Amino acid sequence: MKEHALKVFRQPPERLNCAQSVLHAWREVSGDTSIALADLKLFGGGRAPDGLCGALHAACMVAPDRAEALKQNFAARLGSLYCKELRAAKVHACETCVVQATELLELHFGQIRAEP
């Protein structure tokens, strides 16, 4: 799943932000298109609600029933849930957050496969 996300994260022609990249990967592997990529256009760069990391916000949107577990695991791995803090630490680039969010979705859903 992370390969799907990294393929489009800030890459032409789409240049998707972190939140959109996680959603794109989810859509690719699950087949779930209930959330439009355009719906997450404003959630990159620390603009997700409450300053949450956009990649994590997207993961929580596609798995709202698992949002708390996703947040706990994300914070345990990266030290924060918030974009500003993650970027200030200069240890975690946005790309790292995209990878972690997609890996956590895979962890919480096991092998995700689109229905034929």
PDB file of N, CA and C in Angstrom:
ATOM      1  N   MET A   1       0.807  -1.187   0.000  1.00  0.00           N
ATOM      2  CA  MET A   1       0.000   0.000   0.000  1.00  0.00           C
ATOM      3  C   MET A   1       0.860   1.264   0.000  1.00  0.00           C
ATOM      4  N   LYS A   2       1.962   1.233   0.733  1.00  0.00           N
ATOM      5  CA  LYS A   2       2.798   2.436   0.773  1.00  0.00           C
ATOM      6  C   LYS A   2       3.352   2.775  -0.601  1.00  0.00           C
ATOM      7  N   GLU A   3       3.591   1.763  -1.432  1.00  0.00           N
ATOM      8  CA  GLU A   3       4.089   2.021  -2.777  1.00  0.00           C
ATOM      9  C   GLU A   3       3.082   2.834  -3.581  1.00  0.00           C
ATOM     10  N   HIS A   4       1.789   2.515  -3.412  1.00  0.00           N
ATOM     11  CA  HIS A   4       0.737   3.268  -4.098  1.00  0.00           C
ATOM     12  C   HIS A   4       0.746   4.728  -3.637  1.00  0.00           C
ATOM     13  N   ALA A   5       0.940   4.934  -2.355  1.00  0.00           N
ATOM     14  CA  ALA A   5       0.928   6.293  -1.811  1.00  0.00           C
ATOM     15  C   ALA A   5       2.154   7.085  -2.260  1.00  0.00           C
ATOM     16  N   LEU A   6       3.317   6.473  -2.183  1.00  0.00           N
ATOM     17  CA  LEU A   6       4.541   7.195  -2.533  1.00  0.00           C
ATOM     18  C   LEU A   6       4.646   7.491  -4.022  1.00  0.00           C
ATOM     19  N   LYS A   7       3.976   6.681  -4.827  1.00  0.00           N
ATOM     20  CA  LYS A   7       3.985   6.885  -6.282  1.00  0.00           C
ATOM     21  C   LYS A   7       3.342   8.223  -6.659  1.00  0.00           C
ATOM     22  N   VAL A   8       2.393   8.688  -5.870  1.00  0.00           N
ATOM     23  CA  VAL A   8       1.665   9.916  -6.204  1.00  0.00           C
ATOM     24  C   VAL A   8       1.948  11.081  -5.258  1.00  0.00           C
ATOM     25  N   PHE A   9       2.598  10.815  -4.126  1.00  0.00           N
ATOM     26  CA  PHE A   9       2.857  11.876  -3.153  1.00  0.00           C
ATOM     27  C   PHE A   9       3.816  12.903  -3.742  1.00  0.00           C
ATOM     28  N   ARG A  10       3.273  14.095  -3.989  1.00  0.00           N
ATOM     29  CA  ARG A  10       4.033  15.221  -4.546  1.00  0.00           C
ATOM     30  C   ARG A  10       4.661  14.930  -5.908  1.00  0.00           C
ATOM     31  N   GLN A  11       4.190  13.899  -6.580  1.00  0.00           N
ATOM     32  CA  GLN A  11       4.744  13.521  -7.872  1.00  0.00           C
ATOM     33  C   GLN A  11       3.806  13.949  -8.990  1.00  0.00           C
ATOM     34  N   PRO A  12       4.387  14.406 -10.121  1.00  0.00           N
ATOM     35  CA  PRO A  12       3.543  14.776 -11.259  1.00  0.00           C
ATOM     36  C   PRO A  12       2.861  13.534 -11.825  1.00  0.00           C
ATOM     37  N   PRO A  13       1.749  13.618 -12.444  1.00  0.00           N
ATOM     38  CA  PRO A  13       1.050  14.869 -12.732  1.00  0.00           C
ATOM     39  C   PRO A  13       0.108  15.294 -11.607  1.00  0.00           C
ATOM     40  N   GLU A  14      -0.277  14.389 -10.697  1.00  0.00           N
ATOM     41  CA  GLU A  14      -1.269  14.729  -9.681  1.00  0.00           C
ATOM     42  C   GLU A  14      -0.734  15.619  -8.567  1.00  0.00           C
ATOM     43  N   ARG A  15       0.498  15.350  -8.122  1.00  0.00           N
ATOM     44  CA  ARG A  15       1.109  16.074  -7.002  1.00  0.00           C
ATOM     45  C   ARG A  15       0.194  16.088  -5.773  1.00  0.00           C
ATOM     46  N   LEU A  16      -0.227  14.911  -5.363  1.00  0.00           N
ATOM     47  CA  LEU A  16      -1.142  14.793  -4.234  1.00  0.00           C
ATOM     48  C   LEU A  16      -0.438  15.113  -2.923  1.00  0.00           C
ATOM     49  N   ASN A  17      -1.180  15.698  -1.995  1.00  0.00           N
ATOM     50  CA  ASN A  17      -0.605  15.980  -0.675  1.00  0.00           C
ATOM     51  C   ASN A  17      -0.603  14.696   0.156  1.00  0.00           C
ATOM     52  N   CYS A  18      -0.158  14.795   1.398  1.00  0.00           N
ATOM     53  CA  CYS A  18      -0.022  13.607   2.240  1.00  0.00           C
ATOM     54  C   CYS A  18      -1.366  12.910   2.469  1.00  0.00           C
ATOM     55  N   ALA A  19      -2.391  13.688   2.777  1.00  0.00           N
ATOM     56  CA  ALA A  19      -3.709  13.099   3.028  1.00  0.00           C
ATOM     57  C   ALA A  19      -4.265  12.438   1.772  1.00  0.00           C
ATOM     58  N   GLN A  20      -4.154  13.121   0.657  1.00  0.00           N
ATOM     59  CA  GLN A  20      -4.648  12.566  -0.598  1.00  0.00           C
ATOM     60  C   GLN A  20      -3.885  11.305  -0.992  1.00  0.00           C
ATOM     61  N   SER A  21      -2.595  11.280  -0.726  1.00  0.00           N
ATOM     62  CA  SER A  21      -1.774  10.119  -1.077  1.00  0.00           C
ATOM     63  C   SER A  21      -2.191   8.875  -0.308  1.00  0.00           C
ATOM     64  N   VAL A  22      -2.483   9.043   0.980  1.00  0.00           N
ATOM     65  CA  VAL A  22      -2.949   7.918   1.787  1.00  0.00           C
ATOM     66  C   VAL A  22      -4.308   7.455   1.281  1.00  0.00           C
ATOM     67  N   LEU A  23      -5.193   8.391   0.994  1.00  0.00           N
ATOM     68  CA  LEU A  23      -6.507   8.027   0.460  1.00  0.00           C
ATOM     69  C   LEU A  23      -6.378   7.334  -0.893  1.00  0.00           C
ATOM     70  N   HIS A  24      -5.509   7.838  -1.750  1.00  0.00           N
ATOM     71  CA  HIS A  24      -5.283   7.216  -3.056  1.00  0.00           C
ATOM     72  C   HIS A  24      -4.866   5.759  -2.877  1.00  0.00           C
ATOM     73  N   ALA A  25      -3.922   5.513  -1.988  1.00  0.00           N
ATOM     74  CA  ALA A  25      -3.450   4.146  -1.746  1.00  0.00           C
ATOM     75  C   ALA A  25      -4.589   3.275  -1.228  1.00  0.00           C
ATOM     76  N   TRP A  26      -5.378   3.798  -0.312  1.00  0.00           N
ATOM     77  CA  TRP A  26      -6.518   3.058   0.221  1.00  0.00           C
ATOM     78  C   TRP A  26      -7.475   2.681  -0.901  1.00  0.00           C
ATOM     79  N   ARG A  27      -7.778   3.643  -1.746  1.00  0.00           N
ATOM     80  CA  ARG A  27      -8.700   3.396  -2.854  1.00  0.00           C
ATOM     81  C   ARG A  27      -8.148   2.338  -3.803  1.00  0.00           C
ATOM     82  N   GLU A  28      -6.844   2.376  -4.056  1.00  0.00           N
ATOM     83  CA  GLU A  28      -6.213   1.418  -4.963  1.00  0.00           C
ATOM     84  C   GLU A  28      -6.302  -0.014  -4.445  1.00  0.00           C
ATOM     85  N   VAL A  29      -6.048  -0.196  -3.164  1.00  0.00           N
ATOM     86  CA  VAL A  29      -5.993  -1.564  -2.640  1.00  0.00           C
ATOM     87  C   VAL A  29      -7.331  -2.083  -2.135  1.00  0.00           C
ATOM     88  N   SER A  30      -8.216  -1.189  -1.732  1.00  0.00           N
ATOM     89  CA  SER A  30      -9.494  -1.641  -1.174  1.00  0.00           C
ATOM     90  C   SER A  30     -10.641  -1.577  -2.178  1.00  0.00           C
ATOM     91  N   GLY A  31     -10.504  -0.712  -3.160  1.00  0.00           N
ATOM     92  CA  GLY A  31     -11.594  -0.507  -4.101  1.00  0.00           C
ATOM     93  C   GLY A  31     -12.657   0.445  -3.576  1.00  0.00           C
ATOM     94  N   ASP A  32     -12.489   0.958  -2.368  1.00  0.00           N
ATOM     95  CA  ASP A  32     -13.448   1.869  -1.741  1.00  0.00           C
ATOM     96  C   ASP A  32     -13.240   3.285  -2.281  1.00  0.00           C
ATOM     97  N   THR A  33     -14.218   3.771  -3.013  1.00  0.00           N
ATOM     98  CA  THR A  33     -14.118   5.117  -3.579  1.00  0.00           C
ATOM     99  C   THR A  33     -15.150   6.068  -2.957  1.00  0.00           C
ATOM    100  N   SER A  34     -15.584   5.763  -1.749  1.00  0.00           N
ATOM    101  CA  SER A  34     -16.621   6.565  -1.107  1.00  0.00           C
ATOM    102  C   SER A  34     -16.150   7.970  -0.729  1.00  0.00           C
ATOM    103  N   ILE A  35     -14.860   8.165  -0.583  1.00  0.00           N
ATOM    104  CA  ILE A  35     -14.308   9.484  -0.294  1.00  0.00           C
ATOM    105  C   ILE A  35     -13.525   9.939  -1.520  1.00  0.00           C
ATOM    106  N   ALA A  36     -13.811  11.135  -1.989  1.00  0.00           N
ATOM    107  CA  ALA A  36     -13.137  11.673  -3.173  1.00  0.00           C
ATOM    108  C   ALA A  36     -11.791  12.277  -2.785  1.00  0.00           C
ATOM    109  N   LEU A  37     -10.805  12.126  -3.668  1.00  0.00           N
ATOM    110  CA  LEU A  37      -9.492  12.724  -3.428  1.00  0.00           C
ATOM    111  C   LEU A  37      -9.593  14.231  -3.216  1.00  0.00           C
ATOM    112  N   ALA A  38     -10.487  14.876  -3.951  1.00  0.00           N
ATOM    113  CA  ALA A  38     -10.654  16.321  -3.828  1.00  0.00           C
ATOM    114  C   ALA A  38     -11.099  16.721  -2.419  1.00  0.00           C
ATOM    115  N   ASP A  39     -11.787  15.818  -1.720  1.00  0.00           N
ATOM    116  CA  ASP A  39     -12.245  16.114  -0.363  1.00  0.00           C
ATOM    117  C   ASP A  39     -11.087  16.326   0.607  1.00  0.00           C
ATOM    118  N   LEU A  40      -9.913  15.818   0.272  1.00  0.00           N
ATOM    119  CA  LEU A  40      -8.757  15.932   1.165  1.00  0.00           C
ATOM    120  C   LEU A  40      -7.712  16.927   0.670  1.00  0.00           C
ATOM    121  N   LYS A  41      -8.036  17.670  -0.365  1.00  0.00           N
ATOM    122  CA  LYS A  41      -7.079  18.614  -0.946  1.00  0.00           C
ATOM    123  C   LYS A  41      -6.588  19.648   0.072  1.00  0.00           C
ATOM    124  N   LEU A  42      -7.442  20.062   0.974  1.00  0.00           N
ATOM    125  CA  LEU A  42      -7.076  21.106   1.931  1.00  0.00           C
ATOM    126  C   LEU A  42      -6.395  20.594   3.193  1.00  0.00           C
ATOM    127  N   PHE A  43      -6.197  19.277   3.306  1.00  0.00           N
ATOM    128  CA  PHE A  43      -5.705  18.720   4.560  1.00  0.00           C
ATOM    129  C   PHE A  43      -4.206  18.414   4.592  1.00  0.00           C
ATOM    130  N   GLY A  44      -3.453  18.886   3.634  1.00  0.00           N
ATOM    131  CA  GLY A  44      -2.000  18.726   3.670  1.00  0.00           C
ATOM    132  C   GLY A  44      -1.362  19.917   4.365  1.00  0.00           C
ATOM    133  N   GLY A  45      -0.087  19.796   4.684  1.00  0.00           N
ATOM    134  CA  GLY A  45       0.661  20.922   5.233  1.00  0.00           C
ATOM    135  C   GLY A  45       0.179  21.420   6.577  1.00  0.00           C
ATOM    136  N   GLY A  46      -0.312  20.531   7.418  1.00  0.00           N
ATOM    137  CA  GLY A  46      -0.731  20.920   8.754  1.00  0.00           C
ATOM    138  C   GLY A  46      -2.127  21.514   8.832  1.00  0.00           C
ATOM    139  N   ARG A  47      -2.910  21.365   7.775  1.00  0.00           N
ATOM    140  CA  ARG A  47      -4.249  21.962   7.746  1.00  0.00           C
ATOM    141  C   ARG A  47      -5.378  20.980   8.055  1.00  0.00           C
ATOM    142  N   ALA A  48      -5.041  19.788   8.492  1.00  0.00           N
ATOM    143  CA  ALA A  48      -6.075  18.848   8.926  1.00  0.00           C
ATOM    144  C   ALA A  48      -6.658  19.380  10.245  1.00  0.00           C
ATOM    145  N   PRO A  49      -7.853  18.966  10.603  1.00  0.00           N
ATOM    146  CA  PRO A  49      -8.461  19.460  11.846  1.00  0.00           C
ATOM    147  C   PRO A  49      -7.530  19.325  13.050  1.00  0.00           C
ATOM    148  N   ASP A  50      -7.511  20.368  13.860  1.00  0.00           N
ATOM    149  CA  ASP A  50      -6.701  20.435  15.085  1.00  0.00           C
ATOM    150  C   ASP A  50      -5.196  20.326  14.826  1.00  0.00           C
ATOM    151  N   GLY A  51      -4.747  20.516  13.582  1.00  0.00           N
ATOM    152  CA  GLY A  51      -3.332  20.432  13.263  1.00  0.00           C
ATOM    153  C   GLY A  51      -2.811  19.011  13.153  1.00  0.00           C
ATOM    154  N   LEU A  52      -3.726  18.063  13.117  1.00  0.00           N
ATOM    155  CA  LEU A  52      -3.356  16.648  12.985  1.00  0.00           C
ATOM    156  C   LEU A  52      -2.567  16.431  11.699  1.00  0.00           C
ATOM    157  N   CYS A  53      -1.673  15.484  11.706  1.00  0.00           N
ATOM    158  CA  CYS A  53      -0.953  15.104  10.488  1.00  0.00           C
ATOM    159  C   CYS A  53      -1.982  14.713   9.431  1.00  0.00           C
ATOM    160  N   GLY A  54      -1.854  15.239   8.235  1.00  0.00           N
ATOM    161  CA  GLY A  54      -2.805  14.961   7.160  1.00  0.00           C
ATOM    162  C   GLY A  54      -2.849  13.498   6.776  1.00  0.00           C
ATOM    163  N   ALA A  55      -1.705  12.844   6.757  1.00  0.00           N
ATOM    164  CA  ALA A  55      -1.663  11.420   6.409  1.00  0.00           C
ATOM    165  C   ALA A  55      -2.446  10.602   7.439  1.00  0.00           C
ATOM    166  N   LEU A  56      -2.263  10.930   8.700  1.00  0.00           N
ATOM    167  CA  LEU A  56      -2.999  10.249   9.764  1.00  0.00           C
ATOM    168  C   LEU A  56      -4.490  10.579   9.685  1.00  0.00           C
ATOM    169  N   HIS A  57      -4.815  11.817   9.407  1.00  0.00           N
ATOM    170  CA  HIS A  57      -6.213  12.226   9.268  1.00  0.00           C
ATOM    171  C   HIS A  57      -6.906  11.398   8.185  1.00  0.00           C
ATOM    172  N   ALA A  58      -6.249  11.211   7.063  1.00  0.00           N
ATOM    173  CA  ALA A  58      -6.822  10.408   5.977  1.00  0.00           C
ATOM    174  C   ALA A  58      -7.037   8.967   6.431  1.00  0.00           C
ATOM    175  N   ALA A  59      -6.065   8.405   7.118  1.00  0.00           N
ATOM    176  CA  ALA A  59      -6.208   7.029   7.612  1.00  0.00           C
ATOM    177  C   ALA A  59      -7.408   6.922   8.548  1.00  0.00           C
ATOM    178  N   CYS A  60      -7.586   7.916   9.401  1.00  0.00           N
ATOM    179  CA  CYS A  60      -8.718   7.906  10.330  1.00  0.00           C
ATOM    180  C   CYS A  60     -10.047   8.091   9.600  1.00  0.00           C
ATOM    181  N   MET A  61     -10.046   8.815   8.510  1.00  0.00           N
ATOM    182  CA  MET A  61     -11.275   8.993   7.735  1.00  0.00           C
ATOM    183  C   MET A  61     -11.729   7.691   7.088  1.00  0.00           C
ATOM    184  N   VAL A  62     -10.785   6.903   6.598  1.00  0.00           N
ATOM    185  CA  VAL A  62     -11.177   5.655   5.936  1.00  0.00           C
ATOM    186  C   VAL A  62     -11.462   4.543   6.940  1.00  0.00           C
ATOM    187  N   ALA A  63     -10.999   4.725   8.167  1.00  0.00           N
ATOM    188  CA  ALA A  63     -11.227   3.712   9.204  1.00  0.00           C
ATOM    189  C   ALA A  63     -11.666   4.391  10.498  1.00  0.00           C
ATOM    190  N   PRO A  64     -12.818   5.063  10.481  1.00  0.00           N
ATOM    191  CA  PRO A  64     -13.224   5.823  11.674  1.00  0.00           C
ATOM    192  C   PRO A  64     -13.411   4.967  12.925  1.00  0.00           C
ATOM    193  N   ASP A  65     -13.780   3.731  12.751  1.00  0.00           N
ATOM    194  CA  ASP A  65     -13.951   2.839  13.900  1.00  0.00           C
ATOM    195  C   ASP A  65     -12.619   2.414  14.505  1.00  0.00           C
ATOM    196  N   ARG A  66     -11.553   2.666  13.803  1.00  0.00           N
ATOM    197  CA  ARG A  66     -10.213   2.308  14.299  1.00  0.00           C
ATOM    198  C   ARG A  66      -9.328   3.537  14.498  1.00  0.00           C
ATOM    199  N   ALA A  67      -9.935   4.712  14.468  1.00  0.00           N
ATOM    200  CA  ALA A  67      -9.180   5.961  14.534  1.00  0.00           C
ATOM    201  C   ALA A  67      -8.326   6.065  15.798  1.00  0.00           C
ATOM    202  N   GLU A  68      -8.880   5.722  16.946  1.00  0.00           N
ATOM    203  CA  GLU A  68      -8.108   5.847  18.193  1.00  0.00           C
ATOM    204  C   GLU A  68      -6.895   4.930  18.193  1.00  0.00           C
ATOM    205  N   ALA A  69      -7.056   3.717  17.727  1.00  0.00           N
ATOM    206  CA  ALA A  69      -5.919   2.787  17.654  1.00  0.00           C
ATOM    207  C   ALA A  69      -4.887   3.291  16.651  1.00  0.00           C
ATOM    208  N   LEU A  70      -5.339   3.822  15.524  1.00  0.00           N
ATOM    209  CA  LEU A  70      -4.416   4.376  14.539  1.00  0.00           C
ATOM    210  C   LEU A  70      -3.618   5.527  15.149  1.00  0.00           C
ATOM    211  N   LYS A  71      -4.299   6.403  15.864  1.00  0.00           N
ATOM    212  CA  LYS A  71      -3.622   7.547  16.492  1.00  0.00           C
ATOM    213  C   LYS A  71      -2.612   7.089  17.538  1.00  0.00           C
ATOM    214  N   GLN A  72      -2.987   6.128  18.359  1.00  0.00           N
ATOM    215  CA  GLN A  72      -2.072   5.630  19.388  1.00  0.00           C
ATOM    216  C   GLN A  72      -0.817   5.028  18.763  1.00  0.00           C
ATOM    217  N   ASN A  73      -1.005   4.210  17.745  1.00  0.00           N
ATOM    218  CA  ASN A  73       0.138   3.568  17.095  1.00  0.00           C
ATOM    219  C   ASN A  73       1.000   4.575  16.350  1.00  0.00           C
ATOM    220  N   PHE A  74       0.385   5.540  15.701  1.00  0.00           N
ATOM    221  CA  PHE A  74       1.119   6.573  14.971  1.00  0.00           C
ATOM    222  C   PHE A  74       1.981   7.380  15.947  1.00  0.00           C
ATOM    223  N   ALA A  75       1.389   7.806  17.057  1.00  0.00           N
ATOM    224  CA  ALA A  75       2.134   8.575  18.058  1.00  0.00           C
ATOM    225  C   ALA A  75       3.262   7.747  18.662  1.00  0.00           C
ATOM    226  N   ALA A  76       3.012   6.468  18.870  1.00  0.00           N
ATOM    227  CA  ALA A  76       4.055   5.598  19.424  1.00  0.00           C
ATOM    228  C   ALA A  76       5.232   5.477  18.462  1.00  0.00           C
ATOM    229  N   ARG A  77       4.942   5.448  17.176  1.00  0.00           N
ATOM    230  CA  ARG A  77       6.003   5.306  16.174  1.00  0.00           C
ATOM    231  C   ARG A  77       6.747   6.612  15.909  1.00  0.00           C
ATOM    232  N   LEU A  78       6.004   7.726  15.863  1.00  0.00           N
ATOM    233  CA  LEU A  78       6.616   8.983  15.431  1.00  0.00           C
ATOM    234  C   LEU A  78       6.744  10.045  16.512  1.00  0.00           C
ATOM    235  N   GLY A  79       6.107   9.829  17.655  1.00  0.00           N
ATOM    236  CA  GLY A  79       6.258  10.764  18.758  1.00  0.00           C
ATOM    237  C   GLY A  79       5.228  11.864  18.831  1.00  0.00           C
ATOM    238  N   SER A  80       4.384  11.992  17.845  1.00  0.00           N
ATOM    239  CA  SER A  80       3.346  13.017  17.857  1.00  0.00           C
ATOM    240  C   SER A  80       2.272  12.691  16.830  1.00  0.00           C
ATOM    241  N   LEU A  81       1.134  13.333  16.983  1.00  0.00           N
ATOM    242  CA  LEU A  81       0.040  13.233  16.015  1.00  0.00           C
ATOM    243  C   LEU A  81      -0.040  14.476  15.140  1.00  0.00           C
ATOM    244  N   TYR A  82       0.696  15.493  15.496  1.00  0.00           N
ATOM    245  CA  TYR A  82       0.503  16.821  14.925  1.00  0.00           C
ATOM    246  C   TYR A  82       1.599  17.221  13.942  1.00  0.00           C
ATOM    247  N   CYS A  83       1.155  17.699  12.803  1.00  0.00           N
ATOM    248  CA  CYS A  83       2.064  18.049  11.718  1.00  0.00           C
ATOM    249  C   CYS A  83       3.155  19.019  12.179  1.00  0.00           C
ATOM    250  N   LYS A  84       2.771  20.066  12.864  1.00  0.00           N
ATOM    251  CA  LYS A  84       3.730  21.084  13.284  1.00  0.00           C
ATOM    252  C   LYS A  84       4.833  20.483  14.155  1.00  0.00           C
ATOM    253  N   GLU A  85       4.451  19.619  15.085  1.00  0.00           N
ATOM    254  CA  GLU A  85       5.437  18.986  15.955  1.00  0.00           C
ATOM    255  C   GLU A  85       6.316  18.007  15.187  1.00  0.00           C
ATOM    256  N   LEU A  86       5.712  17.258  14.278  1.00  0.00           N
ATOM    257  CA  LEU A  86       6.478  16.288  13.490  1.00  0.00           C
ATOM    258  C   LEU A  86       7.496  16.998  12.608  1.00  0.00           C
ATOM    259  N   ARG A  87       7.084  18.095  11.995  1.00  0.00           N
ATOM    260  CA  ARG A  87       8.002  18.837  11.129  1.00  0.00           C
ATOM    261  C   ARG A  87       9.060  19.574  11.939  1.00  0.00           C
ATOM    262  N   ALA A  88       8.715  20.049  13.132  1.00  0.00           N
ATOM    263  CA  ALA A  88       9.681  20.751  13.980  1.00  0.00           C
ATOM    264  C   ALA A  88      10.780  19.809  14.455  1.00  0.00           C
ATOM    265  N   ALA A  89      10.431  18.544  14.649  1.00  0.00           N
ATOM    266  CA  ALA A  89      11.415  17.560  15.099  1.00  0.00           C
ATOM    267  C   ALA A  89      12.461  17.299  14.030  1.00  0.00           C
ATOM    268  N   LYS A  90      12.152  17.625  12.790  1.00  0.00           N
ATOM    269  CA  LYS A  90      13.047  17.453  11.640  1.00  0.00           C
ATOM    270  C   LYS A  90      13.561  16.032  11.488  1.00  0.00           C
ATOM    271  N   VAL A  91      12.933  15.120  12.191  1.00  0.00           N
ATOM    272  CA  VAL A  91      13.296  13.715  12.074  1.00  0.00           C
ATOM    273  C   VAL A  91      12.345  13.037  11.103  1.00  0.00           C
ATOM    274  N   HIS A  92      11.122  13.518  11.089  1.00  0.00           N
ATOM    275  CA  HIS A  92      10.079  12.865  10.315  1.00  0.00           C
ATOM    276  C   HIS A  92       9.619  13.756   9.176  1.00  0.00           C
ATOM    277  N   ALA A  93      10.012  13.399   7.981  1.00  0.00           N
ATOM    278  CA  ALA A  93       9.531  14.108   6.802  1.00  0.00           C
ATOM    279  C   ALA A  93       8.098  13.672   6.529  1.00  0.00           C
ATOM    280  N   CYS A  94       7.401  14.469   5.757  1.00  0.00           N
ATOM    281  CA  CYS A  94       6.018  14.133   5.399  1.00  0.00           C
ATOM    282  C   CYS A  94       5.946  12.752   4.746  1.00  0.00           C
ATOM    283  N   GLU A  95       6.937  12.408   3.983  1.00  0.00           N
ATOM    284  CA  GLU A  95       6.966  11.096   3.333  1.00  0.00           C
ATOM    285  C   GLU A  95       6.932   9.977   4.378  1.00  0.00           C
ATOM    286  N   THR A  96       7.648  10.161   5.466  1.00  0.00           N
ATOM    287  CA  THR A  96       7.650   9.182   6.547  1.00  0.00           C
ATOM    288  C   THR A  96       6.257   9.031   7.136  1.00  0.00           C
ATOM    289  N   CYS A  97       5.546  10.134   7.280  1.00  0.00           N
ATOM    290  CA  CYS A  97       4.191  10.091   7.825  1.00  0.00           C
ATOM    291  C   CYS A  97       3.248   9.347   6.885  1.00  0.00           C
ATOM    292  N   VAL A  98       3.415   9.553   5.586  1.00  0.00           N
ATOM    293  CA  VAL A  98       2.604   8.840   4.597  1.00  0.00           C
ATOM    294  C   VAL A  98       2.859   7.339   4.710  1.00  0.00           C
ATOM    295  N   VAL A  99       4.105   6.965   4.803  1.00  0.00           N
ATOM    296  CA  VAL A  99       4.461   5.545   4.933  1.00  0.00           C
ATOM    297  C   VAL A  99       3.864   4.958   6.208  1.00  0.00           C
ATOM    298  N   GLN A 100       4.022   5.656   7.320  1.00  0.00           N
ATOM    299  CA  GLN A 100       3.506   5.138   8.590  1.00  0.00           C
ATOM    300  C   GLN A 100       1.985   5.003   8.567  1.00  0.00           C
ATOM    301  N   ALA A 101       1.297   5.993   8.031  1.00  0.00           N
ATOM    302  CA  ALA A 101      -0.171   5.933   7.974  1.00  0.00           C
ATOM    303  C   ALA A 101      -0.646   4.750   7.132  1.00  0.00           C
ATOM    304  N   THR A 102       0.001   4.517   6.000  1.00  0.00           N
ATOM    305  CA  THR A 102      -0.412   3.395   5.156  1.00  0.00           C
ATOM    306  C   THR A 102      -0.056   2.065   5.806  1.00  0.00           C
ATOM    307  N   GLU A 103       1.096   1.983   6.435  1.00  0.00           N
ATOM    308  CA  GLU A 103       1.468   0.747   7.122  1.00  0.00           C
ATOM    309  C   GLU A 103       0.504   0.437   8.264  1.00  0.00           C
ATOM    310  N   LEU A 104       0.072   1.450   8.981  1.00  0.00           N
ATOM    311  CA  LEU A 104      -0.873   1.227  10.074  1.00  0.00           C
ATOM    312  C   LEU A 104      -2.233   0.778   9.550  1.00  0.00           C
ATOM    313  N   LEU A 105      -2.666   1.340   8.433  1.00  0.00           N
ATOM    314  CA  LEU A 105      -3.913   0.863   7.827  1.00  0.00           C
ATOM    315  C   LEU A 105      -3.797  -0.613   7.459  1.00  0.00           C
ATOM    316  N   GLU A 106      -2.672  -0.990   6.879  1.00  0.00           N
ATOM    317  CA  GLU A 106      -2.462  -2.400   6.534  1.00  0.00           C
ATOM    318  C   GLU A 106      -2.458  -3.268   7.781  1.00  0.00           C
ATOM    319  N   LEU A 107      -1.818  -2.797   8.818  1.00  0.00           N
ATOM    320  CA  LEU A 107      -1.750  -3.539  10.072  1.00  0.00           C
ATOM    321  C   LEU A 107      -3.145  -3.747  10.654  1.00  0.00           C
ATOM    322  N   HIS A 108      -3.957  -2.716  10.631  1.00  0.00           N
ATOM    323  CA  HIS A 108      -5.292  -2.803  11.221  1.00  0.00           C
ATOM    324  C   HIS A 108      -6.294  -3.557  10.363  1.00  0.00           C
ATOM    325  N   PHE A 109      -6.011  -3.655   9.078  1.00  0.00           N
ATOM    326  CA  PHE A 109      -6.941  -4.357   8.193  1.00  0.00           C
ATOM    327  C   PHE A 109      -6.370  -5.650   7.649  1.00  0.00           C
ATOM    328  N   GLY A 110      -5.152  -5.993   8.011  1.00  0.00           N
ATOM    329  CA  GLY A 110      -4.531  -7.181   7.447  1.00  0.00           C
ATOM    330  C   GLY A 110      -4.291  -6.977   5.964  1.00  0.00           C
ATOM    331  N   GLN A 111      -4.302  -8.018   5.216  1.00  0.00           N
ATOM    332  CA  GLN A 111      -4.137  -7.915   3.763  1.00  0.00           C
ATOM    333  C   GLN A 111      -5.392  -7.305   3.166  1.00  0.00           C
ATOM    334  N   ILE A 112      -5.256  -6.149   2.566  1.00  0.00           N
ATOM    335  CA  ILE A 112      -6.394  -5.482   1.946  1.00  0.00           C
ATOM    336  C   ILE A 112      -6.389  -5.807   0.467  1.00  0.00           C
ATOM    337  N   ARG A 113      -7.496  -6.271  -0.011  1.00  0.00           N
ATOM    338  CA  ARG A 113      -7.620  -6.588  -1.436  1.00  0.00           C
ATOM    339  C   ARG A 113      -8.920  -6.014  -1.960  1.00  0.00           C
ATOM    340  N   ALA A 114      -8.861  -5.420  -3.120  1.00  0.00           N
ATOM    341  CA  ALA A 114     -10.075  -4.930  -3.759  1.00  0.00           C
ATOM    342  C   ALA A 114     -10.915  -6.108  -4.208  1.00  0.00           C
ATOM    343  N   GLU A 115     -12.230  -5.927  -4.120  1.00  0.00           N
ATOM    344  CA  GLU A 115     -13.121  -6.977  -4.602  1.00  0.00           C
ATOM    345  C   GLU A 115     -13.097  -6.998  -6.114  1.00  0.00           C
ATOM    346  N   PRO A 116     -13.186  -8.199  -6.736  1.00  0.00           N
ATOM    347  CA  PRO A 116     -13.136  -8.268  -8.182  1.00  0.00           C
ATOM    348  C   PRO A 116     -14.348  -7.632  -8.833  1.00  0.00           C
TER     349      PRO A 116
END
